[in-house]
C-alpha atoms as a PDB file:
ATOM      1  CA  MET A   1      55.624 -45.439  20.027  1.00  0.00           C
ATOM      2  CA  GLN A   2      55.340 -45.795  23.817  1.00  0.00           C
ATOM      3  CA  MET A   3      55.443 -42.021  24.404  1.00  0.00           C
ATOM      4  CA  PRO A   4      52.107 -41.223  22.696  1.00  0.00           C
ATOM      5  CA  LYS A   5      50.312 -44.007  24.638  1.00  0.00           C
ATOM      6  CA  ARG A   6      51.602 -42.647  27.944  1.00  0.00           C
ATOM      7  CA  SER A   7      50.625 -39.114  26.944  1.00  0.00           C
ATOM      8  CA  VAL A   8      47.107 -40.224  26.039  1.00  0.00           C
ATOM      9  CA  ILE A   9      46.724 -42.217  29.266  1.00  0.00           C
ATOM     10  CA  GLY A  10      48.065 -39.275  31.302  1.00  0.00           C
ATOM     11  CA  ALA A  11      45.705 -36.850  29.575  1.00  0.00           C
ATOM     12  CA  VAL A  12      42.713 -39.134  30.184  1.00  0.00           C
ATOM     13  CA  LEU A  13      43.620 -39.507  33.876  1.00  0.00           C
ATOM     14  CA  LEU A  14      44.114 -35.754  34.268  1.00  0.00           C
ATOM     15  CA  LEU A  15      40.794 -35.047  32.550  1.00  0.00           C
ATOM     16  CA  SER A  16      39.007 -37.616  34.730  1.00  0.00           C
ATOM     17  CA  VAL A  17      40.374 -36.087  37.929  1.00  0.00           C
ATOM     18  CA  GLY A  18      39.432 -32.595  36.680  1.00  0.00           C
ATOM     19  CA  VAL A  19      35.857 -33.641  35.935  1.00  0.00           C
ATOM     20  CA  LEU A  20      35.591 -35.367  39.313  1.00  0.00           C
ATOM     21  CA  PHE A  21      36.586 -32.232  41.239  1.00  0.00           C
ATOM     22  CA  CYS A  22      35.005 -29.596  38.963  1.00  0.00           C
ATOM     23  CA  ASN A  23      31.616 -31.263  38.547  1.00  0.00           C
ATOM     24  CA  PRO A  24      30.086 -31.132  42.012  1.00  0.00           C
ATOM     25  CA  ARG A  25      27.225 -33.525  42.624  1.00  0.00           C
ATOM     26  CA  THR A  26      24.704 -32.286  45.095  1.00  0.00           C
ATOM     27  CA  GLN A  27      24.020 -34.709  47.925  1.00  0.00           C
ATOM     28  CA  VAL A  28      20.888 -34.020  49.975  1.00  0.00           C
ATOM     29  CA  HIS A  29      20.237 -35.827  53.259  1.00  0.00           C
ATOM     30  CA  ILE A  30      17.005 -35.374  55.190  1.00  0.00           C
ATOM     31  CA  LYS A  31      16.360 -36.715  58.670  1.00  0.00           C
ATOM     32  CA  GLY A  32      13.054 -35.545  60.105  1.00  0.00           C
ATOM     33  CA  HIS A  33      13.054 -31.758  59.687  1.00  0.00           C
ATOM     34  CA  ARG A  34      16.865 -31.547  59.432  1.00  0.00           C
ATOM     35  CA  ILE A  35      18.511 -31.158  56.027  1.00  0.00           C
ATOM     36  CA  THR A  36      22.164 -31.393  55.027  1.00  0.00           C
ATOM     37  CA  ILE A  37      23.369 -30.418  51.553  1.00  0.00           C
ATOM     38  CA  ASP A  38      26.853 -31.097  50.203  1.00  0.00           C
ATOM     39  CA  SER A  39      27.697 -29.733  46.766  1.00  0.00           C
ATOM     40  CA  GLY A  40      31.276 -29.288  45.648  1.00  0.00           C
ATOM     41  CA  GLY A  41      32.914 -27.204  48.358  1.00  0.00           C
ATOM     42  CA  HIS A  42      29.563 -26.158  49.838  1.00  0.00           C
ATOM     43  CA  HIS A  43      28.154 -27.658  53.026  1.00  0.00           C
ATOM     44  CA  ILE A  44      24.785 -26.443  54.301  1.00  0.00           C
ATOM     45  CA  GLU A  45      22.901 -27.551  57.385  1.00  0.00           C
ATOM     46  CA  GLY A  46      19.426 -26.389  58.288  1.00  0.00           C
ATOM     47  CA  THR A  47      15.854 -27.165  59.113  1.00  0.00           C
ATOM     48  CA  LEU A  48      12.937 -27.533  56.740  1.00  0.00           C
ATOM     49  CA  GLY A  49       9.955 -25.272  57.216  1.00  0.00           C
ATOM     50  CA  PRO A  50       6.459 -26.522  56.429  1.00  0.00           C
ATOM     51  CA  ALA A  51       5.924 -27.541  52.796  1.00  0.00           C
ATOM     52  CA  THR A  52       3.569 -25.146  51.020  1.00  0.00           C
ATOM     53  CA  VAL A  53       2.455 -24.475  47.448  1.00  0.00           C
ATOM     54  CA  HIS A  54       4.142 -21.543  45.696  1.00  0.00           C
ATOM     55  CA  GLN A  55       3.173 -20.037  42.345  1.00  0.00           C
ATOM     56  CA  MET A  56       5.894 -17.856  40.876  1.00  0.00           C
ATOM     57  CA  LEU A  57       7.239 -16.263  37.739  1.00  0.00           C
ATOM     58  CA  MET A  58      10.842 -17.230  37.017  1.00  0.00           C
ATOM     59  CA  LYS A  59      12.302 -14.009  35.629  1.00  0.00           C
ATOM     60  CA  ASP A  60      16.075 -14.322  35.396  1.00  0.00           C
ATOM     61  CA  GLU A  61      18.746 -16.886  36.072  1.00  0.00           C
ATOM     62  CA  GLY A  62      20.989 -15.913  38.977  1.00  0.00           C
ATOM     63  CA  ILE A  63      24.713 -15.513  38.656  1.00  0.00           C
ATOM     64  CA  SER A  64      26.689 -17.605  41.082  1.00  0.00           C
ATOM     65  CA  ILE A  65      30.330 -16.828  41.687  1.00  0.00           C
ATOM     66  CA  GLY A  66      31.369 -19.198  44.442  1.00  0.00           C
ATOM     67  CA  THR A  67      27.916 -19.154  46.061  1.00  0.00           C
ATOM     68  CA  PHE A  68      25.658 -22.161  46.404  1.00  0.00           C
ATOM     69  CA  SER A  69      23.253 -22.284  43.458  1.00  0.00           C
ATOM     70  CA  GLY A  70      21.473 -25.598  44.083  1.00  0.00           C
ATOM     71  CA  ASP A  71      19.631 -27.150  41.152  1.00  0.00           C
ATOM     72  CA  GLY A  72      18.345 -23.742  40.104  1.00  0.00           C
ATOM     73  CA  PHE A  73      19.254 -20.186  41.071  1.00  0.00           C
ATOM     74  CA  VAL A  74      16.611 -17.779  39.761  1.00  0.00           C
ATOM     75  CA  THR A  75      14.910 -14.479  40.383  1.00  0.00           C
ATOM     76  CA  THR A  76      11.260 -15.067  41.226  1.00  0.00           C
ATOM     77  CA  LEU A  77       8.146 -12.949  41.510  1.00  0.00           C
ATOM     78  CA  PRO A  78       4.996 -14.251  43.236  1.00  0.00           C
ATOM     79  CA  LEU A  79       2.233 -14.855  40.683  1.00  0.00           C
ATOM     80  CA  ALA A  80      -0.295 -12.957  42.834  1.00  0.00           C
ATOM     81  CA  THR A  81       1.949  -9.857  42.753  1.00  0.00           C
ATOM     82  CA  ALA A  82       2.432 -10.208  38.986  1.00  0.00           C
ATOM     83  CA  GLU A  83      -1.330 -10.470  38.432  1.00  0.00           C
ATOM     84  CA  ARG A  84      -1.969  -7.362  40.551  1.00  0.00           C
ATOM     85  CA  LEU A  85       0.716  -5.372  38.711  1.00  0.00           C
ATOM     86  CA  ARG A  86      -0.484  -6.561  35.314  1.00  0.00           C
ATOM     87  CA  ALA A  87      -4.078  -5.499  36.119  1.00  0.00           C
ATOM     88  CA  GLN A  88      -2.855  -2.082  37.244  1.00  0.00           C
ATOM     89  CA  TYR A  89      -0.055  -1.323  34.715  1.00  0.00           C
ATOM     90  CA  GLY A  90      -0.280  -3.813  31.854  1.00  0.00           C
ATOM     91  CA  ASP A  91       3.250  -4.877  30.847  1.00  0.00           C
ATOM     92  CA  PHE A  92       4.991  -3.981  34.101  1.00  0.00           C
ATOM     93  CA  PHE A  93       8.348  -5.354  32.898  1.00  0.00           C
ATOM     94  CA  LYS A  94       8.891  -2.448  30.465  1.00  0.00           C
ATOM     95  CA  CYS A  95      11.448  -0.044  31.856  1.00  0.00           C
ATOM     96  CA  ASN A  96       9.308   3.056  31.331  1.00  0.00           C
ATOM     97  CA  THR A  97       6.189   1.834  33.188  1.00  0.00           C
ATOM     98  CA  PRO A  98       5.477   2.761  36.811  1.00  0.00           C
ATOM     99  CA  GLY A  99       4.896  -0.910  37.652  1.00  0.00           C
ATOM    100  CA  VAL A 100       8.520  -1.842  37.028  1.00  0.00           C
ATOM    101  CA  VAL A 101       9.635  -0.218  40.304  1.00  0.00           C
ATOM    102  CA  GLN A 102       7.091  -2.250  42.294  1.00  0.00           C
ATOM    103  CA  ALA A 103       7.985  -5.439  40.400  1.00  0.00           C
ATOM    104  CA  ARG A 104      11.692  -4.902  41.020  1.00  0.00           C
ATOM    105  CA  GLY A 105      11.022  -4.492  44.754  1.00  0.00           C
ATOM    106  CA  ALA A 106       9.104  -7.791  44.887  1.00  0.00           C
ATOM    107  CA  LEU A 107      11.732  -9.879  43.032  1.00  0.00           C
ATOM    108  CA  LYS A 108      13.598 -12.420  45.183  1.00  0.00           C
ATOM    109  CA  GLY A 109      16.758 -14.376  44.602  1.00  0.00           C
ATOM    110  CA  THR A 110      15.734 -18.006  45.008  1.00  0.00           C
ATOM    111  CA  VAL A 111      17.779 -21.202  45.174  1.00  0.00           C
ATOM    112  CA  LEU A 112      15.849 -24.383  44.390  1.00  0.00           C
ATOM    113  CA  VAL A 113      17.098 -27.774  45.574  1.00  0.00           C
ATOM    114  CA  CYS A 114      15.466 -31.066  44.629  1.00  0.00           C
ATOM    115  CA  ASN A 115      16.269 -34.715  45.114  1.00  0.00           C
ATOM    116  CA  HIS A 116      13.751 -36.356  42.777  1.00  0.00           C
ATOM    117  CA  GLY A 117      14.221 -37.188  39.072  1.00  0.00           C
ATOM    118  CA  GLU A 118      10.884 -35.861  37.777  1.00  0.00           C
ATOM    119  CA  THR A 119      11.158 -32.695  39.864  1.00  0.00           C
ATOM    120  CA  LYS A 120      14.677 -32.034  38.528  1.00  0.00           C
ATOM    121  CA  LYS A 121      13.514 -32.711  34.980  1.00  0.00           C
ATOM    122  CA  SER A 122      10.662 -30.172  35.244  1.00  0.00           C
ATOM    123  CA  LEU A 123      12.954 -27.606  36.878  1.00  0.00           C
ATOM    124  CA  THR A 124      15.541 -28.069  34.118  1.00  0.00           C
ATOM    125  CA  GLU A 125      12.829 -27.490  31.509  1.00  0.00           C
ATOM    126  CA  ALA A 126      11.766 -24.243  33.233  1.00  0.00           C
ATOM    127  CA  LEU A 127      15.396 -23.072  33.450  1.00  0.00           C
ATOM    128  CA  SER A 128      15.811 -23.677  29.704  1.00  0.00           C
ATOM    129  CA  LEU A 129      12.809 -21.384  29.103  1.00  0.00           C
ATOM    130  CA  VAL A 130      14.420 -18.686  31.280  1.00  0.00           C
ATOM    131  CA  LYS A 131      17.645 -18.994  29.239  1.00  0.00           C
ATOM    132  CA  LYS A 132      15.531 -18.321  26.119  1.00  0.00           C
ATOM    133  CA  SER A 133      14.313 -15.051  27.734  1.00  0.00           C
ATOM    134  CA  ARG A 134      10.890 -16.455  28.512  1.00  0.00           C
ATOM    135  CA  ILE A 135       9.157 -15.925  31.847  1.00  0.00           C
ATOM    136  CA  PRO A 136       7.643 -19.270  32.867  1.00  0.00           C
ATOM    137  CA  VAL A 137       4.857 -19.428  35.425  1.00  0.00           C
ATOM    138  CA  VAL A 138       5.634 -22.294  37.779  1.00  0.00           C
ATOM    139  CA  SER A 139       4.049 -23.991  40.741  1.00  0.00           C
ATOM    140  CA  PHE A 140       5.997 -25.948  43.296  1.00  0.00           C
ATOM    141  CA  VAL A 141       5.477 -27.623  46.620  1.00  0.00           C
ATOM    142  CA  GLY A 142       8.481 -26.729  48.684  1.00  0.00           C
ATOM    143  CA  SER A 143       9.839 -26.259  52.161  1.00  0.00           C
ATOM    144  CA  PRO A 144      11.920 -23.198  52.948  1.00  0.00           C
ATOM    145  CA  ILE A 145      15.363 -24.161  54.182  1.00  0.00           C
ATOM    146  CA  LEU A 146      16.267 -22.274  57.341  1.00  0.00           C
ATOM    147  CA  VAL A 147      20.074 -22.361  57.197  1.00  0.00           C
ATOM    148  CA  THR A 148      21.766 -22.913  60.551  1.00  0.00           C
ATOM    149  CA  LYS A 149      25.309 -23.503  59.274  1.00  0.00           C
ATOM    150  CA  GLN A 150      26.959 -22.880  55.930  1.00  0.00           C
ATOM    151  CA  THR A 151      30.561 -23.433  54.894  1.00  0.00           C
ATOM    152  CA  TYR A 152      32.420 -23.127  51.621  1.00  0.00           C
ATOM    153  CA  LEU A 153      35.750 -24.949  51.354  1.00  0.00           C
ATOM    154  CA  LYS A 154      35.475 -25.449  55.149  1.00  0.00           C
ATOM    155  CA  MET A 155      35.266 -21.678  55.780  1.00  0.00           C
ATOM    156  CA  GLU A 156      32.226 -20.363  57.655  1.00  0.00           C
ATOM    157  CA  VAL A 157      29.836 -18.384  55.418  1.00  0.00           C
ATOM    158  CA  GLU A 158      27.233 -15.829  56.466  1.00  0.00           C
ATOM    159  CA  ASP A 159      24.697 -15.001  53.764  1.00  0.00           C
ATOM    160  CA  HIS A 160      22.966 -11.633  54.127  1.00  0.00           C
ATOM    161  CA  THR A 161      21.713 -11.411  50.532  1.00  0.00           C
ATOM    162  CA  GLY A 162      18.096 -12.316  51.289  1.00  0.00           C
ATOM    163  CA  THR A 163      18.256 -15.292  48.931  1.00  0.00           C
ATOM    164  CA  VAL A 164      15.595 -17.847  49.820  1.00  0.00           C
ATOM    165  CA  LEU A 165      16.366 -21.588  49.626  1.00  0.00           C
ATOM    166  CA  TYR A 166      13.597 -24.127  48.980  1.00  0.00           C
ATOM    167  CA  TYR A 167      13.683 -27.899  49.043  1.00  0.00           C
ATOM    168  CA  LEU A 168      11.232 -29.009  46.342  1.00  0.00           C
ATOM    169  CA  ASN A 169       8.894 -31.964  46.621  1.00  0.00           C
ATOM    170  CA  ASP A 170       7.117 -31.213  43.341  1.00  0.00           C
ATOM    171  CA  PHE A 171       7.554 -28.736  40.470  1.00  0.00           C
ATOM    172  CA  ALA A 172       5.410 -27.959  37.431  1.00  0.00           C
ATOM    173  CA  ILE A 173       5.336 -25.396  34.634  1.00  0.00           C
ATOM    174  CA  LEU A 174       1.875 -23.811  34.476  1.00  0.00           C
ATOM    175  CA  LYS A 175       2.612 -21.582  31.470  1.00  0.00           C
ATOM    176  CA  ALA A 176       5.730 -21.408  29.300  1.00  0.00           C
ATOM    177  CA  ASP A 177       5.737 -17.587  29.078  1.00  0.00           C
ATOM    178  CA  TYR A 178       3.750 -15.220  31.273  1.00  0.00           C
ATOM    179  CA  MET A 179       3.941 -12.439  28.698  1.00  0.00           C
ATOM    180  CA  ARG A 180       2.283 -14.465  25.900  1.00  0.00           C
END
């Protein structure tokens, strides 16, 4: 009878250790204009640019294989660009329209990092819309993060992908689906 108890206790301990190391919690520290982010094996240091208002479409969720994905990793398109393309081409997301080439060129990989409960909640809601193949229109107040040092598992990382990182102060969904 002792063997099953030990097995259960061992399994629970093993599972607890696995969850602890596989479920990275993002820790954000800000001191003046300096920001430090620790998430799993990722360590990022940088400076915060001026906070500005951004209005974007969130098109697709990014795929992160060992790269830092923050609280949200998405492909974004500025709302002003989307409005211009829509006025000129109509549904510019259809593959056979001339606007799709211009839209594709304006899409940016974007990593969003937040440290506030309500901001995270709104971002999570927008990400759930993206997962349902919707294209939410969002507005956020955010500072670009100018990365000065980035390591993964203590190895120096240089990112040349053009992915933009923002630290969010506020986030709101303006419209659940741009196409409707």
